Protein backbone atom coordinates (compact mmCIF):
# COMPACT_ATOMS: atom_id res chain seq x y z
CA MET A 1 6.87 -18.62 0.51
CA ILE A 2 6.88 -15.62 -1.48
CA ARG A 3 8.43 -12.41 -0.58
CA SER A 4 9.66 -8.99 -1.56
CA TYR A 5 13.12 -7.04 -1.37
CA LYS A 6 13.25 -3.34 -2.09
CA PHE A 7 17.15 -2.16 -2.75
CA LEU A 8 18.07 1.33 -3.33
CA LEU A 9 20.05 1.85 -6.77
CA ARG A 10 22.57 4.00 -7.22
CA PRO A 11 22.59 4.89 -11.25
CA THR A 12 25.25 7.06 -12.66
CA THR A 13 24.10 10.20 -14.51
CA ARG A 14 23.82 8.36 -17.99
CA GLN A 15 22.04 5.47 -16.23
CA SER A 16 19.80 7.91 -14.45
CA LEU A 17 18.81 9.56 -17.80
CA ALA A 18 18.54 6.10 -19.42
CA LEU A 19 15.81 5.03 -16.63
CA GLY A 20 13.79 8.09 -17.21
CA GLU A 21 13.57 7.58 -20.77
CA MET A 22 12.62 3.74 -20.19
CA LEU A 23 9.67 5.05 -17.67
CA ARG A 24 8.88 7.41 -20.30
CA ASP A 25 8.54 4.96 -23.27
CA HIS A 26 6.57 2.60 -21.10
CA CYS A 27 4.16 5.53 -20.44
CA SER A 28 3.63 6.37 -23.77
CA LEU A 29 2.92 2.49 -24.59
CA TYR A 30 0.26 2.76 -21.87
CA ASN A 31 -1.05 5.66 -23.23
CA GLY A 32 -1.15 4.41 -26.85
CA ALA A 33 -2.71 1.40 -26.06
CA LEU A 34 -5.36 3.04 -24.04
CA GLN A 35 -5.74 5.64 -26.71
CA GLU A 36 -6.34 2.41 -29.20
CA ARG A 37 -9.35 0.91 -27.21
CA ARG A 38 -11.21 4.05 -26.40
CA ASP A 39 -11.27 4.46 -30.23
CA ALA A 40 -11.91 1.23 -31.10
CA TRP A 41 -15.30 1.11 -28.92
CA ARG A 42 -16.45 4.33 -29.92
CA HIS A 43 -16.10 3.47 -33.41
CA SER A 44 -19.68 2.10 -34.60
CA SER A 45 -18.50 -1.50 -34.47
CA LYS A 46 -18.04 -1.28 -31.31
CA THR A 47 -14.65 -3.55 -31.64
CA SER A 48 -13.44 -4.49 -28.14
CA ILE A 49 -9.71 -5.17 -28.08
CA ILE A 50 -7.93 -7.62 -25.68
CA TYR A 51 -4.35 -7.91 -24.41
CA GLY A 52 -3.49 -10.28 -26.94
CA ASN A 53 -4.36 -8.21 -29.97
CA GLN A 54 -1.91 -5.39 -28.70
CA SER A 55 0.55 -7.64 -27.58
CA ALA A 56 0.75 -9.22 -31.15
CA GLN A 57 1.34 -5.19 -32.52
CA LEU A 58 4.71 -5.02 -30.01
CA LYS A 59 6.98 -6.48 -33.01
CA GLU A 60 5.69 -4.15 -35.40
CA ILE A 61 6.10 -1.18 -32.73
CA ARG A 62 9.69 -1.88 -31.86
CA ALA A 63 10.48 -2.23 -35.70
CA PHE A 64 9.09 0.86 -36.49
CA ASP A 65 10.61 2.51 -33.64
CA PRO A 66 13.85 0.82 -32.94
CA LYS A 67 15.39 4.07 -31.60
CA TRP A 68 12.95 4.18 -28.52
CA GLN A 69 10.59 1.65 -27.92
CA GLY A 70 12.84 -1.04 -29.60
CA ARG A 71 15.29 -0.57 -27.35
CA TRP A 72 13.53 -1.70 -24.30
CA SER A 73 12.79 -5.44 -23.14
CA PHE A 74 10.04 -6.85 -24.82
CA SER A 75 8.96 -8.86 -21.86
CA SER A 76 8.34 -5.34 -19.71
CA GLN A 77 6.66 -3.65 -22.48
CA GLN A 78 4.04 -6.67 -22.50
CA ALA A 79 4.12 -6.35 -18.76
CA THR A 80 2.83 -2.65 -19.25
CA LEU A 81 0.02 -4.11 -21.78
CA ARG A 82 -1.11 -6.22 -19.01
CA ARG A 83 -1.22 -3.54 -16.37
CA LEU A 84 -3.63 -1.71 -18.83
CA ASP A 85 -5.65 -5.03 -19.11
CA ARG A 86 -5.88 -5.37 -15.24
CA ALA A 87 -6.94 -1.74 -15.16
CA PHE A 88 -9.75 -2.76 -17.89
CA GLN A 89 -10.88 -5.95 -16.37
CA ALA A 90 -11.14 -3.95 -12.76
CA PHE A 91 -13.44 -1.50 -14.39
CA PHE A 92 -15.83 -4.38 -16.00
CA ARG A 93 -15.89 -5.84 -12.52
CA ARG A 94 -17.20 -2.29 -10.93
CA VAL A 95 -19.51 -2.02 -13.67
CA LYS A 96 -21.13 -5.42 -13.30
CA ALA A 97 -21.32 -5.09 -9.54
CA GLY A 98 -23.16 -1.58 -9.66
CA GLN A 99 -19.99 0.28 -8.24
CA THR A 100 -18.62 3.64 -9.20
CA PRO A 101 -17.10 2.11 -12.30
CA GLY A 102 -13.55 4.54 -12.74
CA SER A 103 -12.72 4.43 -16.38
CA PRO A 104 -8.68 3.57 -16.78
CA ARG A 105 -6.98 6.96 -17.33
CA PHE A 106 -4.38 8.46 -19.44
CA LYS A 107 -1.05 8.31 -17.25
CA GLY A 108 1.04 11.74 -17.03
CA VAL A 109 4.83 11.02 -17.14
CA GLY A 110 5.04 11.96 -13.70
CA HIS A 111 2.68 9.68 -12.51
CA PHE A 112 4.00 6.09 -14.35
CA ASP A 113 6.56 5.45 -12.07
CA THR A 114 7.27 1.63 -12.23
CA VAL A 115 8.52 -0.62 -14.83
CA VAL A 116 8.08 -4.52 -14.46
CA PHE A 117 10.49 -7.50 -15.79
CA PRO A 118 8.03 -10.54 -15.53
CA LYS A 119 11.42 -12.83 -15.42
CA ASP A 120 14.64 -12.73 -14.07
CA GLY A 121 17.01 -13.56 -17.36
CA ASP A 122 14.58 -11.93 -19.56
CA GLY A 123 15.84 -8.32 -20.08
CA CYS A 124 17.14 -7.96 -16.65
CA ARG A 125 19.53 -10.00 -14.35
CA TRP A 126 19.86 -9.46 -10.81
CA ASP A 127 23.45 -9.86 -9.12
CA PHE A 128 24.92 -9.94 -12.99
CA THR A 129 28.17 -9.65 -11.83
CA PRO A 130 29.15 -11.79 -8.75
CA HIS A 131 32.72 -11.09 -8.92
CA ASP A 132 32.33 -7.23 -8.46
CA PRO A 133 32.23 -6.23 -4.78
CA HIS A 134 29.45 -3.93 -5.26
CA THR A 135 26.05 -5.91 -6.30
CA ARG A 136 24.82 -4.70 -9.79
CA VAL A 137 21.54 -5.24 -11.64
CA ARG A 138 21.33 -5.25 -15.44
CA LEU A 139 18.93 -3.93 -16.97
CA GLN A 140 18.37 -3.84 -20.82
CA GLY A 141 18.85 -0.59 -22.36
CA VAL A 142 20.34 1.15 -19.23
CA GLY A 143 23.51 -1.27 -18.61
CA HIS A 144 24.94 -2.44 -15.02
CA VAL A 145 23.31 -0.48 -12.46
CA ARG A 146 24.90 -0.73 -8.87
CA VAL A 147 22.63 -1.63 -6.22
CA HIS A 148 22.84 -0.68 -2.25
CA GLN A 149 22.14 -4.37 -1.24
CA HIS A 150 21.51 -3.63 2.78
CA ARG A 151 20.32 -7.38 3.03
CA PRO A 152 20.84 -10.54 1.76
CA VAL A 153 18.27 -12.30 -0.96
CA ARG A 154 16.73 -15.63 -0.27
CA GLY A 155 15.00 -17.65 -2.29
CA ARG A 156 14.50 -17.68 -6.06
CA VAL A 157 14.21 -14.23 -8.09
CA LYS A 158 11.54 -14.16 -10.26
CA THR A 159 10.26 -11.01 -11.08
CA ILE A 160 12.27 -7.81 -10.90
CA SER A 161 10.35 -3.97 -10.81
CA VAL A 162 12.27 -0.90 -11.15
CA LYS A 163 10.31 2.20 -9.46
CA ARG A 164 11.06 5.73 -9.27
CA GLU A 165 10.27 7.60 -6.03
CA GLY A 166 10.64 11.46 -6.03
CA ARG A 167 14.63 11.72 -7.18
CA ARG A 168 15.19 8.26 -6.04
CA TRP A 169 15.58 4.70 -7.94
CA TYR A 170 14.69 1.67 -6.39
CA VAL A 171 14.66 -2.20 -7.36
CA VAL A 172 12.16 -4.83 -5.87
CA LEU A 173 12.50 -8.29 -6.31
CA SER A 174 9.90 -10.72 -6.08
CA CYS A 175 11.29 -13.91 -4.86
CA ASP A 176 9.46 -17.34 -4.16
CA GLU A 177 10.81 -20.35 -2.09
CA VAL A 178 12.10 -18.50 0.60
CA PRO A 179 12.92 -20.36 3.43
CA ALA A 180 11.21 -19.61 6.60
CA GLU A 181 13.41 -18.77 9.95
CA PRO A 182 11.34 -20.41 12.97
CA LEU A 183 11.75 -18.46 16.43
CA PRO A 184 11.99 -20.23 19.60
CA PRO A 185 8.82 -20.81 21.19
CA THR A 186 7.99 -18.15 24.17
CA SER A 187 4.23 -19.75 25.34
CA ALA A 188 2.79 -16.46 25.40
CA VAL A 189 -0.02 -15.03 23.89
CA VAL A 190 -1.49 -11.92 23.24
CA GLY A 191 -4.84 -10.02 22.07
CA ILE A 192 -4.38 -6.26 20.51
CA ASP A 193 -6.96 -3.45 19.98
CA MET A 194 -5.97 -1.19 17.53
CA GLY A 195 -6.75 2.48 18.04
CA THR A 196 -5.87 6.06 17.33
CA VAL A 197 -4.87 7.84 20.47
CA HIS A 198 -2.81 4.70 21.36
CA PHE A 199 -1.34 2.55 18.57
CA PHE A 200 -2.80 -0.72 19.85
CA THR A 201 -3.21 -1.73 23.42
CA THR A 202 -2.36 -5.44 24.34
CA SER A 203 -4.69 -8.09 26.76
CA ASP A 204 -1.81 -7.52 29.27
CA GLY A 205 -3.04 -3.55 29.21
CA GLU A 206 0.30 -2.31 27.64
CA HIS A 207 -0.61 0.66 25.30
CA GLU A 208 1.99 1.20 22.25
CA PRO A 209 2.48 5.05 21.77
CA ASN A 210 0.61 6.32 18.36
CA PRO A 211 3.51 8.21 16.66
CA LYS A 212 1.10 10.22 14.47
CA PHE A 213 4.07 11.20 11.72
CA PHE A 214 1.32 12.87 9.99
CA ASP A 215 0.20 15.39 12.53
CA ALA A 216 4.02 15.76 13.42
CA ALA A 217 4.70 17.09 10.05
CA ALA A 218 1.65 19.11 9.20
CA GLU A 219 2.59 22.42 9.76
CA GLN A 220 5.81 21.90 7.52
CA LEU A 221 3.77 20.06 5.14
CA ALA A 222 1.23 22.90 5.15
CA GLU A 223 3.40 25.34 4.37
CA ALA A 224 5.17 23.61 1.33
CA GLN A 225 1.70 22.96 0.00
CA ARG A 226 0.63 26.99 0.28
CA HIS A 227 3.94 27.70 -1.40
CA LEU A 228 3.14 24.95 -4.15
CA ALA A 229 -0.84 26.52 -4.36
CA THR A 230 0.72 30.06 -5.50
CA PHE A 231 2.06 28.00 -8.87
CA PRO A 232 -0.61 27.30 -11.82
CA LYS A 233 -2.05 24.09 -11.41
CA ARG A 234 -2.05 23.45 -15.04
CA THR A 235 0.62 24.31 -17.39
CA GLN A 236 2.47 23.36 -20.17
CA GLN A 237 5.89 24.03 -18.37
CA ARG A 238 6.50 24.24 -15.12
CA THR A 239 9.60 26.64 -13.82
CA LYS A 240 12.61 25.86 -11.94
CA LYS A 241 10.75 27.41 -8.54
CA HIS A 242 7.40 25.57 -9.93
CA ARG A 243 9.66 22.01 -9.50
CA ALA A 244 11.54 22.90 -6.86
CA ALA A 245 7.93 23.28 -4.74
CA ALA A 246 6.34 19.98 -5.76
CA ARG A 247 9.32 17.96 -4.78
CA LYS A 248 9.41 19.54 -1.47
CA VAL A 249 5.90 18.52 -1.18
CA ALA A 250 6.59 14.95 -2.36
CA LYS A 251 9.89 14.48 -0.30
CA LEU A 252 7.81 15.68 2.93
CA HIS A 253 4.91 13.14 2.19
CA ALA A 254 7.66 10.63 1.37
CA ARG A 255 9.79 11.31 4.97
CA ILE A 256 6.34 10.59 6.73
CA ARG A 257 5.65 7.09 4.48
CA ARG A 258 8.99 5.71 5.48
CA GLN A 259 8.95 6.72 8.99
CA ARG A 260 5.26 5.03 9.46
CA LEU A 261 6.79 2.12 7.21
CA ASP A 262 9.82 1.94 9.75
CA PHE A 263 7.56 2.48 12.54
CA HIS A 264 5.43 -0.90 11.45
CA HIS A 265 8.35 -2.95 10.88
CA LYS A 266 9.83 -2.42 14.48
CA THR A 267 6.51 -2.84 16.19
CA ALA A 268 5.30 -5.89 14.24
CA LEU A 269 8.87 -7.44 14.93
CA THR A 270 8.67 -6.95 18.66
CA LEU A 271 5.16 -8.66 18.82
CA VAL A 272 6.13 -11.60 16.97
CA ARG A 273 9.49 -12.11 18.74
CA ASP A 274 7.51 -12.13 22.07
CA HIS A 275 4.48 -14.15 21.51
CA ASP A 276 3.71 -17.42 20.13
CA ALA A 277 -0.02 -16.01 18.85
CA ILE A 278 -1.44 -12.95 18.04
CA ALA A 279 -4.90 -12.31 17.69
CA HIS A 280 -6.31 -9.21 16.42
CA GLU A 281 -9.66 -7.42 14.87
CA ARG A 282 -10.26 -8.05 11.39
CA LEU A 283 -10.72 -4.62 9.95
CA ASN A 284 -11.83 -2.99 6.46
CA THR A 285 -10.41 0.45 6.73
CA ALA A 286 -11.40 1.34 3.39
CA ASP A 287 -14.97 0.73 4.65
CA MET A 288 -14.34 2.54 7.87
CA THR A 289 -13.03 5.72 6.35
CA ARG A 290 -15.28 6.14 4.01
CA ALA A 291 -17.19 9.61 4.08
CA PRO A 292 -20.50 9.87 5.01
CA GLU A 293 -23.42 9.99 2.64
CA PRO A 294 -25.29 13.29 2.25
CA ARG A 295 -28.53 13.94 3.78
CA PRO A 296 -30.83 15.90 1.60
CA ASP A 297 -33.15 18.08 3.51
CA PRO A 298 -37.01 17.33 2.63
CA GLN A 299 -37.89 20.87 3.60
CA THR A 300 -35.75 22.74 0.94
CA PRO A 301 -35.10 21.24 -2.14
CA GLY A 302 -31.22 21.18 -3.04
CA ALA A 303 -29.95 21.63 0.80
CA PHE A 304 -28.57 19.30 2.79
CA LEU A 305 -28.69 18.36 6.53
CA PRO A 306 -25.68 18.07 8.56
CA ASN A 307 -24.25 14.80 8.52
CA GLY A 308 -20.83 14.62 10.78
CA ALA A 309 -18.59 14.56 7.89
CA ALA A 310 -16.50 17.19 9.67
CA ALA A 311 -15.93 14.72 12.40
CA LYS A 312 -15.75 11.96 10.11
CA ALA A 313 -12.61 13.39 8.17
CA GLY A 314 -10.93 14.17 11.45
CA LEU A 315 -11.55 10.32 12.60
CA ASN A 316 -10.78 9.37 8.74
CA LYS A 317 -7.18 10.91 8.76
CA SER A 318 -6.20 9.54 12.34
CA ILE A 319 -6.99 6.18 11.04
CA LEU A 320 -5.06 6.41 7.50
CA ASP A 321 -2.18 7.97 9.43
CA ALA A 322 -1.77 5.04 11.84
CA GLY A 323 -2.07 2.76 8.89
CA TRP A 324 -3.67 -0.29 10.54
CA ALA A 325 -4.05 -2.06 7.10
CA GLN A 326 -0.62 -1.62 6.43
CA PHE A 327 0.84 -2.64 9.94
CA LEU A 328 -1.58 -5.84 10.01
CA GLY A 329 -0.03 -7.17 6.60
CA ILE A 330 3.67 -6.43 7.77
CA LEU A 331 2.64 -8.33 11.20
CA ALA A 332 1.20 -11.31 9.07
CA SER A 333 3.97 -11.59 6.56
CA LYS A 334 6.75 -11.69 9.54
CA ALA A 335 4.48 -14.06 11.88
CA GLU A 336 4.70 -16.27 8.59
CA SER A 337 8.56 -16.40 8.14
CA ALA A 338 8.68 -16.70 11.91
CA GLY A 339 6.22 -19.92 12.23
CA ARG A 340 4.42 -17.63 14.44
CA LEU A 341 0.42 -17.81 14.60
CA VAL A 342 -1.89 -14.82 13.64
CA VAL A 343 -5.56 -14.98 14.08
CA PRO A 344 -8.11 -12.33 12.89
CA VAL A 345 -11.14 -12.17 14.88
CA ASP A 346 -14.54 -10.47 14.27
CA ALA A 347 -13.98 -7.03 15.69
CA ARG A 348 -18.02 -6.36 16.07
CA ASN A 349 -18.75 -5.56 19.90
CA THR A 350 -15.05 -6.30 21.13
CA SER A 351 -15.63 -2.84 22.98
CA ARG A 352 -18.90 -3.41 24.07
CA THR A 353 -18.75 -6.97 25.55
CA CYS A 354 -17.98 -7.28 29.17
CA PRO A 355 -15.12 -9.77 29.53
CA SER A 356 -16.81 -10.44 33.33
CA CYS A 357 -20.23 -11.30 32.64
CA GLY A 358 -20.54 -11.42 29.11
CA HIS A 359 -23.09 -8.69 28.63
CA VAL A 360 -23.43 -6.48 25.51
CA ALA A 361 -24.50 -3.30 25.78
CA LYS A 362 -23.76 0.39 23.95
CA GLU A 363 -23.94 1.84 27.21
CA ASN A 364 -21.13 -0.20 28.70
CA ARG A 365 -18.76 2.03 26.89
CA ALA A 366 -19.22 5.47 29.32
CA THR A 367 -16.51 7.18 27.45
CA GLN A 368 -14.06 6.60 24.37
CA ALA A 369 -11.40 5.52 27.08
CA LYS A 370 -13.77 4.22 30.38
CA PHE A 371 -15.52 0.75 30.25
CA VAL A 372 -18.31 0.48 32.56
CA CYS A 373 -20.74 -2.69 32.60
CA VAL A 374 -24.14 -1.72 33.23
CA ARG A 375 -25.18 -5.11 34.57
CA CYS A 376 -22.23 -6.21 36.92
CA GLY A 377 -20.16 -3.14 37.34
CA PHE A 378 -16.77 -4.08 35.91
CA ALA A 379 -14.90 -1.25 35.03
CA ALA A 380 -11.81 -1.11 32.74
CA ASN A 381 -9.74 0.80 30.42
CA ALA A 382 -12.25 0.41 27.12
CA ASP A 383 -9.29 -0.60 24.96
CA HIS A 384 -7.86 -3.03 27.38
CA VAL A 385 -11.41 -4.44 27.14
CA GLY A 386 -11.43 -5.03 23.45
CA ALA A 387 -7.77 -6.26 23.45
CA THR A 388 -9.09 -8.75 26.20
CA ASN A 389 -12.57 -9.79 24.24
CA VAL A 390 -10.25 -10.18 20.95
CA LEU A 391 -7.97 -13.08 22.53
CA ASN A 392 -10.74 -14.40 24.02
CA ARG A 393 -12.54 -14.66 20.62
CA ALA A 394 -9.25 -15.96 19.18
CA GLY A 395 -9.01 -18.81 21.54
CA LEU A 396 -12.99 -19.78 20.56
CA VAL A 397 -11.50 -19.67 16.94
CA LEU A 398 -8.66 -22.22 17.43
CA SER A 399 -10.60 -24.58 19.67
CA ASN A 400 -13.29 -24.51 17.46
CA ALA A 401 -10.80 -25.23 14.62
CA ALA A 402 -9.06 -27.93 16.64
């Protein structure tokens, strides 16, 4: 199995400055390569530059600028160029598919926060000082940086990434050949129905409360954002107060993100420990949270009819705050490691199908929380009905697969 491990770095003051310079130089390399591609395409020859062309120039760039670009890992600079190449590949794919293309843009220093080392031992080395009581990672141009390793690393370290989040620095290890850790069987199976009022409801009728971390911090976050809005959006040099206001907003968002991630990990772990098989709806949250299309008024050119955008915006915020996609990804990962089975099923009409007689109708969903079958009169909580139908569909999927 492939797993990622994320650890907090404890750099010294000098190492923190070096890490910041490393990010800035990689950002400059990314923007310079992007500018070269744009200029070549805008030329009358319409020259197309690919990753191989730009990677071949790295040797000359490093020799021309040994004080800055020349002191960083050659492989990490190649990874930065590959990052740009992937952005262009995605751009051309969207153009070909007729989607909104979204051309690759220049990165500001504050928005370029990750440097990737493609191979352990090439410009970086994990646990470089095993005799030291503290774990350290060696980074070319930075030194031996202390790592707060809060859990053991299993498998073989392949890729090492250094990431900045606010004022904190993290190292992310991508490992393969990670051994599984099977849990003892429980002979229990469950279906879950994701929601916004309750985070999810199980086929056993239990409701997992939705913590709504964003709503809990909404007032504090709104106050911080109002203060940040008093400063000019575009300026050559931010003042000390301006930077402090921006850090406060970023800090609040980071805390919400960490709270949500911690909740998802603990909730998924509980499900995996208590059940041998877990069924859930196959959800496409990107489409579910898409804004509704505008409705032009045929009677008045240039005017639009109500399209329910305000109500949809509130629902979208609740779905994104719950973080269904992140939770289901964590659940699948933990289940694979524990030898459990996760079965995604078709989500269509799970809350409109009567589990007693099988009748499917929109009218069965009397209210958001109440289900009453118009044919047989079966009544139950709508989320419980959805979870039961999810479990029933998972049984059909497993029987067909067998």
